[in-house]
N, C-alpha and C. Protein backbone atom coordinates (compact mmCIF):
# COMPACT_ATOMS: atom_id res chain seq x y z
N MET A 1 31.35 76.36 -51.54
CA MET A 1 31.17 75.47 -50.35
C MET A 1 32.18 74.33 -50.40
N VAL A 2 32.49 73.72 -49.27
CA VAL A 2 33.48 72.64 -49.22
C VAL A 2 33.01 71.48 -50.05
N ARG A 3 31.73 71.18 -49.96
CA ARG A 3 31.18 70.02 -50.65
C ARG A 3 31.34 70.20 -52.18
N GLU A 4 31.01 71.40 -52.73
CA GLU A 4 31.08 71.59 -54.16
C GLU A 4 32.56 71.56 -54.63
N ALA A 5 33.47 72.15 -53.85
CA ALA A 5 34.88 72.11 -54.18
C ALA A 5 35.42 70.71 -54.21
N TYR A 6 34.95 69.93 -53.26
CA TYR A 6 35.40 68.54 -53.16
C TYR A 6 34.97 67.76 -54.39
N LEU A 7 33.69 67.97 -54.78
CA LEU A 7 33.11 67.26 -55.93
C LEU A 7 33.81 67.66 -57.23
N THR A 8 34.17 68.91 -57.33
CA THR A 8 34.90 69.32 -58.53
C THR A 8 36.24 68.60 -58.67
N ALA A 9 36.97 68.52 -57.59
CA ALA A 9 38.23 67.82 -57.58
C ALA A 9 38.05 66.37 -57.90
N VAL A 10 36.98 65.77 -57.33
CA VAL A 10 36.71 64.34 -57.63
C VAL A 10 36.37 64.16 -59.06
N ALA A 11 35.59 65.05 -59.67
CA ALA A 11 35.22 64.86 -61.05
C ALA A 11 36.44 64.90 -61.97
N ILE A 12 37.46 65.74 -61.62
CA ILE A 12 38.64 65.86 -62.43
C ILE A 12 39.40 64.49 -62.32
N ALA A 13 39.56 64.04 -61.09
CA ALA A 13 40.29 62.77 -60.93
C ALA A 13 39.54 61.59 -61.57
N ARG A 14 38.23 61.61 -61.50
CA ARG A 14 37.39 60.56 -62.11
C ARG A 14 37.58 60.60 -63.65
N ALA A 15 37.65 61.76 -64.22
CA ALA A 15 37.81 61.84 -65.66
C ALA A 15 39.14 61.29 -66.11
N ARG A 16 40.19 61.51 -65.33
CA ARG A 16 41.50 60.95 -65.60
C ARG A 16 41.47 59.43 -65.54
N SER A 17 40.82 58.91 -64.48
CA SER A 17 40.81 57.44 -64.27
C SER A 17 39.98 56.76 -65.36
N LEU A 18 38.98 57.46 -65.94
CA LEU A 18 38.16 56.86 -66.98
C LEU A 18 38.88 56.62 -68.26
N VAL A 19 40.00 57.34 -68.46
CA VAL A 19 40.73 57.19 -69.77
C VAL A 19 41.20 55.75 -69.89
N LEU A 20 41.82 55.19 -68.81
CA LEU A 20 42.29 53.84 -68.84
C LEU A 20 41.16 52.88 -69.01
N ALA A 21 40.03 53.09 -68.27
CA ALA A 21 38.91 52.22 -68.35
C ALA A 21 38.34 52.18 -69.75
N LEU A 22 38.27 53.33 -70.40
CA LEU A 22 37.69 53.37 -71.75
C LEU A 22 38.57 52.64 -72.74
N VAL A 23 39.89 52.71 -72.56
CA VAL A 23 40.82 51.95 -73.38
C VAL A 23 40.58 50.44 -73.23
N MET A 24 40.43 50.03 -71.92
CA MET A 24 40.13 48.60 -71.65
C MET A 24 38.79 48.22 -72.26
N MET A 25 37.79 49.05 -72.16
CA MET A 25 36.47 48.70 -72.62
C MET A 25 36.38 48.66 -74.20
N SER A 26 37.30 49.30 -74.84
CA SER A 26 37.27 49.31 -76.28
C SER A 26 37.81 48.05 -76.88
N ALA A 27 38.41 47.20 -76.12
CA ALA A 27 38.99 45.93 -76.62
C ALA A 27 37.85 44.93 -76.86
N PRO A 28 37.96 44.03 -77.85
CA PRO A 28 36.95 43.01 -78.11
C PRO A 28 36.78 42.13 -76.91
N VAL A 29 35.53 41.65 -76.68
CA VAL A 29 35.23 40.79 -75.54
C VAL A 29 36.00 39.52 -75.61
N THR A 30 35.94 38.86 -76.76
CA THR A 30 36.62 37.59 -76.95
C THR A 30 38.15 37.77 -76.87
N GLY A 31 38.74 37.14 -75.97
CA GLY A 31 40.18 37.24 -75.79
C GLY A 31 40.62 38.50 -75.04
N CYS A 32 39.66 39.27 -74.57
CA CYS A 32 40.01 40.47 -73.83
C CYS A 32 40.71 40.10 -72.56
N VAL A 33 41.77 40.84 -72.21
CA VAL A 33 42.59 40.47 -71.05
C VAL A 33 42.60 41.64 -70.07
N VAL A 34 42.40 41.32 -68.80
CA VAL A 34 42.51 42.30 -67.74
C VAL A 34 43.84 42.12 -67.10
N ARG A 35 44.64 43.18 -66.99
CA ARG A 35 46.00 43.07 -66.48
C ARG A 35 46.08 43.73 -65.12
N SER A 36 46.70 42.98 -64.20
CA SER A 36 46.91 43.50 -62.85
C SER A 36 48.11 44.37 -62.80
N ARG A 37 48.09 45.42 -61.96
CA ARG A 37 49.25 46.28 -61.79
C ARG A 37 50.05 45.84 -60.60
N GLY A 38 51.28 46.11 -60.63
CA GLY A 38 52.17 45.80 -59.51
C GLY A 38 53.30 46.85 -59.38
N ALA A 39 53.82 46.93 -58.20
CA ALA A 39 54.84 47.96 -57.99
C ALA A 39 56.05 47.64 -58.80
N ASP A 40 56.28 46.34 -59.11
CA ASP A 40 57.48 45.97 -59.88
C ASP A 40 57.16 45.87 -61.35
N GLY A 41 55.94 46.26 -61.77
CA GLY A 41 55.60 46.27 -63.14
C GLY A 41 55.16 44.94 -63.69
N VAL A 42 55.14 43.87 -62.86
CA VAL A 42 54.70 42.57 -63.30
C VAL A 42 53.19 42.54 -63.39
N GLY A 43 52.69 41.99 -64.48
CA GLY A 43 51.23 41.94 -64.68
C GLY A 43 50.69 40.57 -64.38
N ILE A 44 49.46 40.48 -63.88
CA ILE A 44 48.73 39.21 -63.73
C ILE A 44 47.54 39.29 -64.63
N THR A 45 47.36 38.32 -65.49
CA THR A 45 46.29 38.38 -66.46
C THR A 45 45.27 37.30 -66.23
N ALA A 46 44.00 37.57 -66.67
CA ALA A 46 42.93 36.61 -66.61
C ALA A 46 41.96 36.91 -67.73
N ALA A 47 41.59 35.95 -68.49
CA ALA A 47 40.65 36.22 -69.63
C ALA A 47 39.33 36.67 -69.06
N THR A 48 38.69 37.57 -69.79
CA THR A 48 37.41 38.11 -69.32
C THR A 48 36.37 37.00 -69.16
N GLN A 49 36.34 36.06 -70.13
CA GLN A 49 35.33 34.98 -70.05
C GLN A 49 35.53 34.16 -68.78
N GLU A 50 36.78 33.92 -68.41
CA GLU A 50 37.05 33.16 -67.19
C GLU A 50 36.61 33.95 -65.97
N ILE A 51 36.91 35.25 -65.94
CA ILE A 51 36.56 36.10 -64.85
C ILE A 51 35.05 36.06 -64.60
N GLU A 52 34.27 36.09 -65.70
CA GLU A 52 32.81 36.16 -65.60
C GLU A 52 32.24 34.85 -65.05
N SER A 53 32.92 33.74 -65.24
CA SER A 53 32.34 32.45 -64.92
C SER A 53 32.70 31.94 -63.55
N GLN A 54 33.67 32.61 -62.84
CA GLN A 54 34.11 32.09 -61.54
C GLN A 54 33.93 33.13 -60.50
N ALA A 55 33.77 32.68 -59.24
CA ALA A 55 33.63 33.58 -58.11
C ALA A 55 34.99 34.04 -57.66
N SER A 56 35.01 35.14 -56.87
CA SER A 56 36.27 35.64 -56.38
C SER A 56 36.91 34.73 -55.35
N SER A 57 38.24 34.78 -55.26
CA SER A 57 38.95 33.87 -54.36
C SER A 57 38.81 34.39 -52.92
N THR A 58 38.63 33.46 -51.96
CA THR A 58 38.64 33.85 -50.58
C THR A 58 39.74 33.04 -49.86
N THR A 59 40.79 32.64 -50.57
CA THR A 59 41.84 31.87 -50.04
C THR A 59 42.54 32.62 -48.91
N PRO A 60 42.79 31.98 -47.73
CA PRO A 60 43.43 32.68 -46.62
C PRO A 60 44.84 33.09 -47.01
N PRO A 61 45.43 34.03 -46.26
CA PRO A 61 46.78 34.49 -46.53
C PRO A 61 47.73 33.29 -46.53
N SER A 62 48.73 33.34 -47.47
CA SER A 62 49.64 32.21 -47.56
C SER A 62 50.97 32.48 -46.86
N ASP A 63 51.11 33.59 -46.22
CA ASP A 63 52.39 33.86 -45.49
C ASP A 63 52.05 34.48 -44.13
N ASN A 64 52.97 35.22 -43.59
CA ASN A 64 52.83 35.73 -42.22
C ASN A 64 52.31 37.15 -42.15
N THR A 65 51.79 37.67 -43.26
CA THR A 65 51.18 39.00 -43.24
C THR A 65 50.02 39.03 -42.22
N THR A 66 50.02 40.02 -41.39
CA THR A 66 49.01 40.15 -40.33
C THR A 66 48.00 41.20 -40.63
N VAL A 67 46.70 40.75 -40.78
CA VAL A 67 45.62 41.73 -40.90
C VAL A 67 44.51 41.20 -39.99
N THR A 68 44.04 42.04 -39.06
CA THR A 68 43.04 41.60 -38.14
C THR A 68 41.82 42.47 -38.19
N GLY A 69 40.99 42.51 -37.16
CA GLY A 69 39.73 43.19 -37.17
C GLY A 69 39.85 44.70 -37.32
N PRO A 70 38.69 45.36 -37.53
CA PRO A 70 38.73 46.84 -37.70
C PRO A 70 39.46 47.49 -36.60
N ALA A 71 40.38 48.42 -36.98
CA ALA A 71 41.18 49.12 -35.98
C ALA A 71 41.24 50.63 -36.20
N GLN A 72 40.98 51.05 -37.43
CA GLN A 72 41.07 52.51 -37.76
C GLN A 72 39.84 52.93 -38.53
N THR A 73 39.51 54.21 -38.48
CA THR A 73 38.31 54.71 -39.10
C THR A 73 38.58 55.80 -40.11
N VAL A 74 37.96 55.74 -41.28
CA VAL A 74 37.95 56.83 -42.24
C VAL A 74 36.72 57.67 -41.97
N THR A 75 36.92 58.97 -41.88
CA THR A 75 35.78 59.91 -41.63
C THR A 75 35.84 60.93 -42.76
N ASN A 76 34.76 61.02 -43.53
CA ASN A 76 34.69 61.97 -44.66
C ASN A 76 33.41 62.79 -44.55
N GLU A 77 33.51 63.87 -43.74
CA GLU A 77 32.34 64.71 -43.50
C GLU A 77 31.77 65.37 -44.73
N PRO A 78 32.59 65.87 -45.67
CA PRO A 78 31.99 66.51 -46.84
C PRO A 78 31.12 65.58 -47.69
N LEU A 79 31.48 64.27 -47.70
CA LEU A 79 30.72 63.30 -48.48
C LEU A 79 29.87 62.39 -47.61
N ASP A 80 29.73 62.69 -46.30
CA ASP A 80 28.72 62.08 -45.46
C ASP A 80 28.94 60.62 -45.15
N TYR A 81 30.18 60.16 -45.11
CA TYR A 81 30.36 58.76 -44.72
C TYR A 81 31.57 58.52 -43.85
N CYS A 82 31.54 57.39 -43.13
CA CYS A 82 32.69 56.90 -42.40
C CYS A 82 32.62 55.40 -42.39
N PHE A 83 33.76 54.76 -42.17
CA PHE A 83 33.81 53.29 -42.13
C PHE A 83 35.13 52.85 -41.44
N ALA A 84 35.17 51.62 -41.07
CA ALA A 84 36.38 51.09 -40.38
C ALA A 84 37.14 50.19 -41.36
N TYR A 85 38.42 50.12 -41.19
CA TYR A 85 39.26 49.19 -41.98
C TYR A 85 40.21 48.42 -41.04
N PRO A 86 40.72 47.28 -41.51
CA PRO A 86 41.50 46.38 -40.63
C PRO A 86 42.83 46.92 -40.22
N HIS A 87 43.31 46.47 -39.09
CA HIS A 87 44.59 46.78 -38.53
C HIS A 87 45.66 46.30 -39.58
N GLY A 88 46.68 47.08 -39.77
CA GLY A 88 47.70 46.72 -40.72
C GLY A 88 47.57 47.31 -42.10
N PHE A 89 46.35 47.87 -42.38
CA PHE A 89 46.11 48.58 -43.62
C PHE A 89 46.44 50.08 -43.48
N THR A 90 46.62 50.77 -44.55
CA THR A 90 47.04 52.17 -44.54
C THR A 90 46.08 53.02 -45.32
N GLN A 91 45.66 54.17 -44.78
CA GLN A 91 44.81 55.11 -45.48
C GLN A 91 45.69 56.08 -46.25
N LEU A 92 45.40 56.19 -47.58
CA LEU A 92 46.08 57.13 -48.48
C LEU A 92 45.04 58.02 -49.04
N THR A 93 44.85 59.23 -48.51
CA THR A 93 43.78 60.08 -48.89
C THR A 93 44.28 61.43 -49.37
N ASN A 94 43.74 61.93 -50.50
CA ASN A 94 44.00 63.27 -50.98
C ASN A 94 42.67 64.01 -51.15
N ASP A 95 42.72 65.18 -51.77
CA ASP A 95 41.48 65.99 -51.85
C ASP A 95 40.39 65.37 -52.76
N SER A 96 40.80 64.39 -53.59
CA SER A 96 39.83 63.93 -54.58
C SER A 96 39.41 62.47 -54.35
N GLN A 97 40.11 61.77 -53.47
CA GLN A 97 39.81 60.33 -53.37
C GLN A 97 40.30 59.79 -52.01
N VAL A 98 39.57 58.78 -51.53
CA VAL A 98 39.93 58.06 -50.33
C VAL A 98 40.38 56.65 -50.82
N GLU A 99 41.57 56.26 -50.30
CA GLU A 99 42.07 54.92 -50.66
C GLU A 99 42.64 54.27 -49.40
N VAL A 100 42.38 52.93 -49.26
CA VAL A 100 42.92 52.23 -48.17
C VAL A 100 43.67 50.99 -48.78
N ILE A 101 44.85 50.78 -48.38
CA ILE A 101 45.68 49.72 -49.02
C ILE A 101 46.28 48.79 -47.98
N GLY A 102 46.35 47.53 -48.35
CA GLY A 102 46.89 46.52 -47.39
C GLY A 102 48.39 46.43 -47.48
N PRO A 103 48.99 45.70 -46.49
CA PRO A 103 50.45 45.54 -46.51
C PRO A 103 50.89 44.61 -47.61
N HIS A 104 52.05 44.90 -48.21
CA HIS A 104 52.59 43.98 -49.23
C HIS A 104 52.94 42.66 -48.55
N SER A 105 52.63 41.57 -49.23
CA SER A 105 52.77 40.24 -48.61
C SER A 105 54.18 39.71 -48.87
N GLY A 106 54.82 40.20 -49.89
CA GLY A 106 56.14 39.62 -50.25
C GLY A 106 55.94 38.45 -51.20
N SER A 107 54.75 37.99 -51.45
CA SER A 107 54.54 36.80 -52.29
C SER A 107 53.89 37.18 -53.63
N GLY A 108 53.76 38.48 -53.90
CA GLY A 108 53.16 38.90 -55.13
C GLY A 108 53.28 40.41 -55.30
N PRO A 109 52.91 40.94 -56.45
CA PRO A 109 53.17 42.31 -56.74
C PRO A 109 52.19 43.32 -56.17
N GLU A 110 50.99 42.90 -55.79
CA GLU A 110 50.01 43.87 -55.35
C GLU A 110 49.34 43.48 -54.07
N PRO A 111 49.02 44.43 -53.19
CA PRO A 111 48.24 44.19 -51.98
C PRO A 111 46.73 44.39 -52.27
N GLY A 112 45.89 44.08 -51.32
CA GLY A 112 44.45 44.36 -51.48
C GLY A 112 44.26 45.85 -51.17
N LEU A 113 43.28 46.46 -51.87
CA LEU A 113 42.99 47.88 -51.64
C LEU A 113 41.58 48.21 -52.07
N VAL A 114 41.17 49.37 -51.61
CA VAL A 114 39.87 49.96 -52.05
C VAL A 114 40.07 51.44 -52.26
N TRP A 115 39.45 52.02 -53.36
CA TRP A 115 39.40 53.45 -53.48
C TRP A 115 37.93 53.82 -53.73
N ILE A 116 37.60 55.03 -53.22
CA ILE A 116 36.20 55.47 -53.22
C ILE A 116 36.09 56.80 -53.93
N ASP A 117 35.19 56.86 -54.91
CA ASP A 117 34.91 58.09 -55.64
C ASP A 117 33.48 58.51 -55.44
N ALA A 118 33.19 59.77 -55.49
CA ALA A 118 31.78 60.28 -55.39
C ALA A 118 31.60 61.38 -56.45
N THR A 119 30.54 61.25 -57.24
CA THR A 119 30.24 62.20 -58.25
C THR A 119 28.75 62.50 -58.28
N ASP A 120 28.33 63.52 -58.99
CA ASP A 120 26.94 63.84 -59.16
C ASP A 120 26.27 62.69 -59.91
N ALA A 121 25.23 62.13 -59.39
CA ALA A 121 24.55 61.02 -60.03
C ALA A 121 23.79 61.44 -61.26
N GLN A 122 23.54 62.72 -61.47
CA GLN A 122 22.86 63.24 -62.61
C GLN A 122 21.50 62.57 -62.85
N GLY A 123 20.81 62.26 -61.82
CA GLY A 123 19.47 61.66 -61.91
C GLY A 123 19.48 60.18 -62.19
N ARG A 124 20.66 59.58 -62.27
CA ARG A 124 20.76 58.14 -62.57
C ARG A 124 20.75 57.30 -61.30
N SER A 125 20.28 56.09 -61.37
CA SER A 125 20.35 55.16 -60.29
C SER A 125 21.72 54.41 -60.36
N ALA A 126 22.03 53.72 -59.26
CA ALA A 126 23.23 52.90 -59.30
C ALA A 126 23.18 51.86 -60.37
N GLN A 127 21.99 51.29 -60.56
CA GLN A 127 21.77 50.28 -61.62
C GLN A 127 22.01 50.86 -63.02
N ASP A 128 21.56 52.08 -63.21
CA ASP A 128 21.76 52.76 -64.49
C ASP A 128 23.23 52.89 -64.79
N VAL A 129 24.00 53.36 -63.84
CA VAL A 129 25.43 53.61 -64.04
C VAL A 129 26.13 52.28 -64.32
N ALA A 130 25.79 51.27 -63.56
CA ALA A 130 26.41 49.95 -63.71
C ALA A 130 26.13 49.41 -65.10
N GLU A 131 24.90 49.55 -65.57
CA GLU A 131 24.54 49.07 -66.89
C GLU A 131 25.29 49.79 -67.99
N GLU A 132 25.52 51.11 -67.80
CA GLU A 132 26.27 51.88 -68.80
C GLU A 132 27.70 51.33 -68.87
N GLU A 133 28.30 51.04 -67.74
CA GLU A 133 29.69 50.52 -67.76
C GLU A 133 29.76 49.12 -68.32
N VAL A 134 28.80 48.27 -67.95
CA VAL A 134 28.84 46.91 -68.46
C VAL A 134 28.60 46.87 -69.97
N ASN A 135 27.66 47.71 -70.46
CA ASN A 135 27.42 47.76 -71.87
C ASN A 135 28.59 48.26 -72.66
N ALA A 136 29.41 49.13 -72.02
CA ALA A 136 30.57 49.70 -72.68
C ALA A 136 31.61 48.68 -73.01
N PHE A 137 31.77 47.62 -72.17
CA PHE A 137 32.78 46.63 -72.50
C PHE A 137 32.18 45.29 -72.86
N GLY A 138 30.82 45.19 -72.83
CA GLY A 138 30.13 44.03 -73.38
C GLY A 138 30.24 42.78 -72.56
N GLY A 139 30.59 42.87 -71.29
CA GLY A 139 30.70 41.66 -70.49
C GLY A 139 29.41 41.31 -69.78
N SER A 140 29.48 40.31 -68.91
CA SER A 140 28.31 39.88 -68.13
C SER A 140 28.83 39.51 -66.75
N PRO A 141 29.30 40.46 -65.93
CA PRO A 141 29.91 40.15 -64.63
C PRO A 141 28.89 39.68 -63.62
N PRO A 142 29.33 38.78 -62.69
CA PRO A 142 28.43 38.38 -61.64
C PRO A 142 27.91 39.55 -60.79
N ARG A 143 26.61 39.50 -60.42
CA ARG A 143 26.00 40.61 -59.64
C ARG A 143 25.48 40.11 -58.31
N SER A 144 25.54 41.00 -57.36
CA SER A 144 24.95 40.77 -56.08
C SER A 144 24.66 42.11 -55.41
N THR A 145 24.19 42.10 -54.18
CA THR A 145 23.91 43.36 -53.46
C THR A 145 24.54 43.26 -52.10
N VAL A 146 24.77 44.47 -51.55
CA VAL A 146 25.30 44.59 -50.17
C VAL A 146 24.64 45.81 -49.56
N VAL A 147 24.52 45.84 -48.23
CA VAL A 147 23.92 46.98 -47.58
C VAL A 147 24.98 47.91 -47.07
N LEU A 148 24.89 49.19 -47.43
CA LEU A 148 25.80 50.24 -46.91
C LEU A 148 25.01 51.21 -46.11
N GLY A 149 25.28 51.24 -44.82
CA GLY A 149 24.56 52.19 -43.99
C GLY A 149 23.05 52.09 -44.05
N GLY A 150 22.51 50.86 -44.17
CA GLY A 150 21.07 50.62 -44.24
C GLY A 150 20.48 50.76 -45.60
N GLU A 151 21.27 51.03 -46.63
CA GLU A 151 20.79 51.19 -47.99
C GLU A 151 21.42 50.14 -48.90
N GLU A 152 20.66 49.65 -49.84
CA GLU A 152 21.16 48.57 -50.74
C GLU A 152 22.01 49.14 -51.84
N ALA A 153 23.14 48.50 -52.03
CA ALA A 153 24.11 48.83 -53.07
C ALA A 153 24.29 47.66 -54.02
N LEU A 154 24.64 48.00 -55.27
CA LEU A 154 24.83 46.93 -56.28
C LEU A 154 26.33 46.58 -56.36
N VAL A 155 26.62 45.27 -56.47
CA VAL A 155 27.98 44.80 -56.55
C VAL A 155 28.20 44.09 -57.89
N LEU A 156 29.24 44.47 -58.63
CA LEU A 156 29.64 43.77 -59.82
C LEU A 156 31.08 43.26 -59.68
N ASP A 157 31.28 41.97 -59.96
CA ASP A 157 32.61 41.37 -59.82
C ASP A 157 33.26 41.25 -61.19
N GLY A 158 34.57 41.47 -61.22
CA GLY A 158 35.39 41.28 -62.43
C GLY A 158 35.27 42.42 -63.43
N MET A 159 35.04 43.64 -62.95
CA MET A 159 35.02 44.79 -63.82
C MET A 159 36.43 45.13 -64.28
N PRO A 160 36.57 45.65 -65.51
CA PRO A 160 37.93 45.91 -66.02
C PRO A 160 38.60 47.13 -65.49
N GLY A 161 39.94 47.15 -65.48
CA GLY A 161 40.69 48.25 -65.05
C GLY A 161 42.16 47.81 -65.12
N GLN A 162 43.04 48.53 -64.40
CA GLN A 162 44.40 48.09 -64.33
C GLN A 162 44.49 46.71 -63.69
N ASP A 163 43.63 46.48 -62.71
CA ASP A 163 43.44 45.09 -62.16
C ASP A 163 41.95 44.82 -62.40
N ALA A 164 41.59 43.53 -62.36
CA ALA A 164 40.16 43.22 -62.26
C ALA A 164 39.65 43.71 -60.94
N ILE A 165 38.38 44.21 -60.91
CA ILE A 165 37.87 44.95 -59.76
C ILE A 165 36.55 44.44 -59.33
N ARG A 166 36.25 44.45 -58.04
CA ARG A 166 34.90 44.32 -57.51
C ARG A 166 34.41 45.77 -57.28
N LYS A 167 33.31 46.17 -57.98
CA LYS A 167 32.82 47.49 -57.82
C LYS A 167 31.48 47.53 -57.14
N VAL A 168 31.32 48.48 -56.23
CA VAL A 168 30.08 48.68 -55.50
C VAL A 168 29.54 50.05 -55.90
N TYR A 169 28.25 50.08 -56.28
CA TYR A 169 27.60 51.32 -56.71
C TYR A 169 26.40 51.62 -55.79
N ILE A 170 26.32 52.90 -55.35
CA ILE A 170 25.15 53.33 -54.56
C ILE A 170 24.92 54.80 -54.75
N VAL A 171 23.69 55.17 -54.87
CA VAL A 171 23.32 56.63 -54.97
C VAL A 171 22.73 57.01 -53.63
N HIS A 172 23.25 58.08 -53.05
CA HIS A 172 22.77 58.58 -51.75
C HIS A 172 22.77 60.07 -51.83
N ASP A 173 21.61 60.65 -51.52
CA ASP A 173 21.45 62.13 -51.50
C ASP A 173 21.93 62.81 -52.80
N GLY A 174 21.64 62.15 -53.89
CA GLY A 174 21.99 62.77 -55.22
C GLY A 174 23.43 62.48 -55.69
N LEU A 175 24.20 61.82 -54.86
CA LEU A 175 25.57 61.50 -55.24
C LEU A 175 25.72 60.05 -55.56
N LEU A 176 26.57 59.70 -56.61
CA LEU A 176 26.91 58.38 -56.91
C LEU A 176 28.21 58.00 -56.25
N TYR A 177 28.20 57.05 -55.37
CA TYR A 177 29.38 56.56 -54.67
C TYR A 177 29.80 55.27 -55.37
N THR A 178 31.10 55.17 -55.74
CA THR A 178 31.64 54.00 -56.37
C THR A 178 32.82 53.51 -55.53
N LEU A 179 32.72 52.31 -55.01
CA LEU A 179 33.76 51.71 -54.22
C LEU A 179 34.39 50.61 -55.04
N SER A 180 35.69 50.70 -55.30
CA SER A 180 36.40 49.75 -56.13
C SER A 180 37.38 48.96 -55.33
N PHE A 181 37.17 47.63 -55.27
CA PHE A 181 38.01 46.74 -54.43
C PHE A 181 38.88 45.94 -55.38
N SER A 182 40.16 45.84 -55.11
CA SER A 182 41.13 45.17 -55.98
C SER A 182 42.20 44.43 -55.11
N PRO A 183 42.71 43.34 -55.64
CA PRO A 183 42.45 42.70 -56.90
C PRO A 183 41.36 41.66 -56.81
N TYR A 184 40.66 41.45 -57.90
CA TYR A 184 39.66 40.43 -58.03
C TYR A 184 40.27 39.24 -58.72
N ARG A 185 40.32 38.13 -58.04
CA ARG A 185 40.83 36.87 -58.54
C ARG A 185 42.29 36.95 -59.02
N SER A 186 43.14 37.62 -58.26
CA SER A 186 44.56 37.66 -58.55
C SER A 186 45.19 36.29 -58.27
N ASP A 187 46.33 36.00 -58.86
CA ASP A 187 47.06 34.81 -58.52
C ASP A 187 47.67 34.89 -57.11
N ASN A 188 47.70 36.09 -56.54
CA ASN A 188 48.26 36.30 -55.21
C ASN A 188 47.19 36.03 -54.17
N ALA A 189 47.22 34.90 -53.55
CA ALA A 189 46.18 34.48 -52.56
C ALA A 189 46.12 35.47 -51.41
N THR A 190 47.28 35.98 -50.96
CA THR A 190 47.24 36.92 -49.86
C THR A 190 46.56 38.22 -50.26
N ALA A 191 46.81 38.71 -51.42
CA ALA A 191 46.16 39.92 -51.88
C ALA A 191 44.64 39.72 -51.98
N ASN A 192 44.24 38.51 -52.43
CA ASN A 192 42.77 38.21 -52.48
C ASN A 192 42.18 38.25 -51.12
N ALA A 193 42.89 37.63 -50.16
CA ALA A 193 42.36 37.58 -48.80
C ALA A 193 42.28 38.98 -48.19
N GLN A 194 43.27 39.83 -48.49
CA GLN A 194 43.22 41.20 -47.98
C GLN A 194 42.04 41.96 -48.59
N MET A 195 41.82 41.77 -49.88
CA MET A 195 40.67 42.44 -50.51
C MET A 195 39.36 41.98 -49.93
N GLU A 196 39.17 40.73 -49.72
CA GLU A 196 37.95 40.19 -49.14
C GLU A 196 37.74 40.69 -47.72
N MET A 197 38.84 40.76 -46.97
CA MET A 197 38.75 41.29 -45.57
C MET A 197 38.38 42.77 -45.58
N LEU A 198 38.97 43.51 -46.52
CA LEU A 198 38.68 44.90 -46.65
C LEU A 198 37.25 45.15 -47.05
N PHE A 199 36.77 44.34 -48.01
CA PHE A 199 35.39 44.47 -48.47
C PHE A 199 34.46 44.22 -47.32
N ALA A 200 34.70 43.16 -46.53
CA ALA A 200 33.80 42.85 -45.41
C ALA A 200 33.79 43.93 -44.35
N SER A 201 34.99 44.49 -44.07
CA SER A 201 35.11 45.51 -43.02
C SER A 201 34.43 46.80 -43.47
N VAL A 202 34.69 47.23 -44.68
CA VAL A 202 34.19 48.52 -45.12
C VAL A 202 32.63 48.45 -45.22
N THR A 203 32.12 47.43 -45.87
CA THR A 203 30.67 47.35 -46.11
C THR A 203 29.89 47.14 -44.80
N SER A 204 30.47 46.37 -43.88
CA SER A 204 29.74 46.09 -42.64
C SER A 204 29.75 47.23 -41.65
N SER A 205 30.73 48.13 -41.80
CA SER A 205 30.87 49.25 -40.85
C SER A 205 30.46 50.59 -41.45
N TRP A 206 30.08 50.60 -42.70
CA TRP A 206 29.76 51.91 -43.40
C TRP A 206 28.59 52.64 -42.69
N VAL A 207 28.81 53.93 -42.46
CA VAL A 207 27.80 54.75 -41.80
C VAL A 207 27.63 56.06 -42.61
N TRP A 208 26.33 56.45 -42.83
CA TRP A 208 26.05 57.76 -43.39
C TRP A 208 26.05 58.74 -42.21
N MET A 209 26.92 59.68 -42.15
CA MET A 209 27.05 60.52 -40.99
C MET A 209 25.81 61.36 -40.73
N SER A 210 25.05 61.69 -41.75
CA SER A 210 23.81 62.48 -41.58
C SER A 210 22.74 61.68 -40.86
N SER A 211 22.92 60.34 -40.74
CA SER A 211 21.94 59.54 -40.05
C SER A 211 22.04 59.66 -38.54
N ALA A 212 23.08 60.30 -38.05
CA ALA A 212 23.37 60.48 -36.63
C ALA A 212 23.84 59.19 -36.02
N THR A 213 24.05 58.12 -36.81
CA THR A 213 24.64 56.89 -36.26
C THR A 213 26.13 57.15 -36.01
N PRO A 214 26.64 56.71 -34.87
CA PRO A 214 28.05 56.95 -34.55
C PRO A 214 28.91 56.24 -35.51
N CYS A 215 30.06 56.87 -35.86
CA CYS A 215 31.05 56.16 -36.67
C CYS A 215 31.70 55.08 -35.89
N PRO A 216 32.28 54.05 -36.61
CA PRO A 216 32.93 52.97 -35.92
C PRO A 216 34.03 53.46 -35.00
N ALA A 217 34.16 52.89 -33.83
CA ALA A 217 35.16 53.26 -32.89
C ALA A 217 36.53 52.80 -33.33
N THR A 218 37.54 53.58 -33.05
CA THR A 218 38.96 53.18 -33.36
C THR A 218 39.54 52.48 -32.20
N GLU A 219 40.15 51.32 -32.46
CA GLU A 219 40.76 50.59 -31.38
C GLU A 219 42.01 51.23 -30.90
């Protein structure tokens, strides 16, 4: 079936992405550094302890980069979701992952982006999975909740990766959905603003297609 084939591809991609995360998680907590990725190879670093103690930046864009209200829609029928993202962002989707990325601002190496994975939850709750990941690197990231399609999801800020990440976890119909928003607290104020705008747009417009709720309209 299409759904099973899709999940197999996702599992392979997820396994590859976990290699880097496990390397990051194996570092000691004290002095552990999260490095941002950039197209030019320049890294932005922030100590884990500092990440845990401060909230994410919501600084407005510092240049003329234009990102406005929801204008385009991602529709993923095999995995039962759709959502809207802002004008000026670009959808980069393959068989194993959905990714939406913002425009480069010219003032820093990375734009705001989100990528979405779905795997078999294996009977675990979103909280169970989040605890497993947090325990693996020994941190204490800020926690909150957000509603996705009428269901509560767990949000953890400052999770490790190539960049520091805001991760959203939710289990729906036996599948674990993980939404990763980046960058979290980058020195690039425009990238932070793009990430926050993308987070607000995706979470506020998220629809489970099986609910018969219409997907967000495309402008």
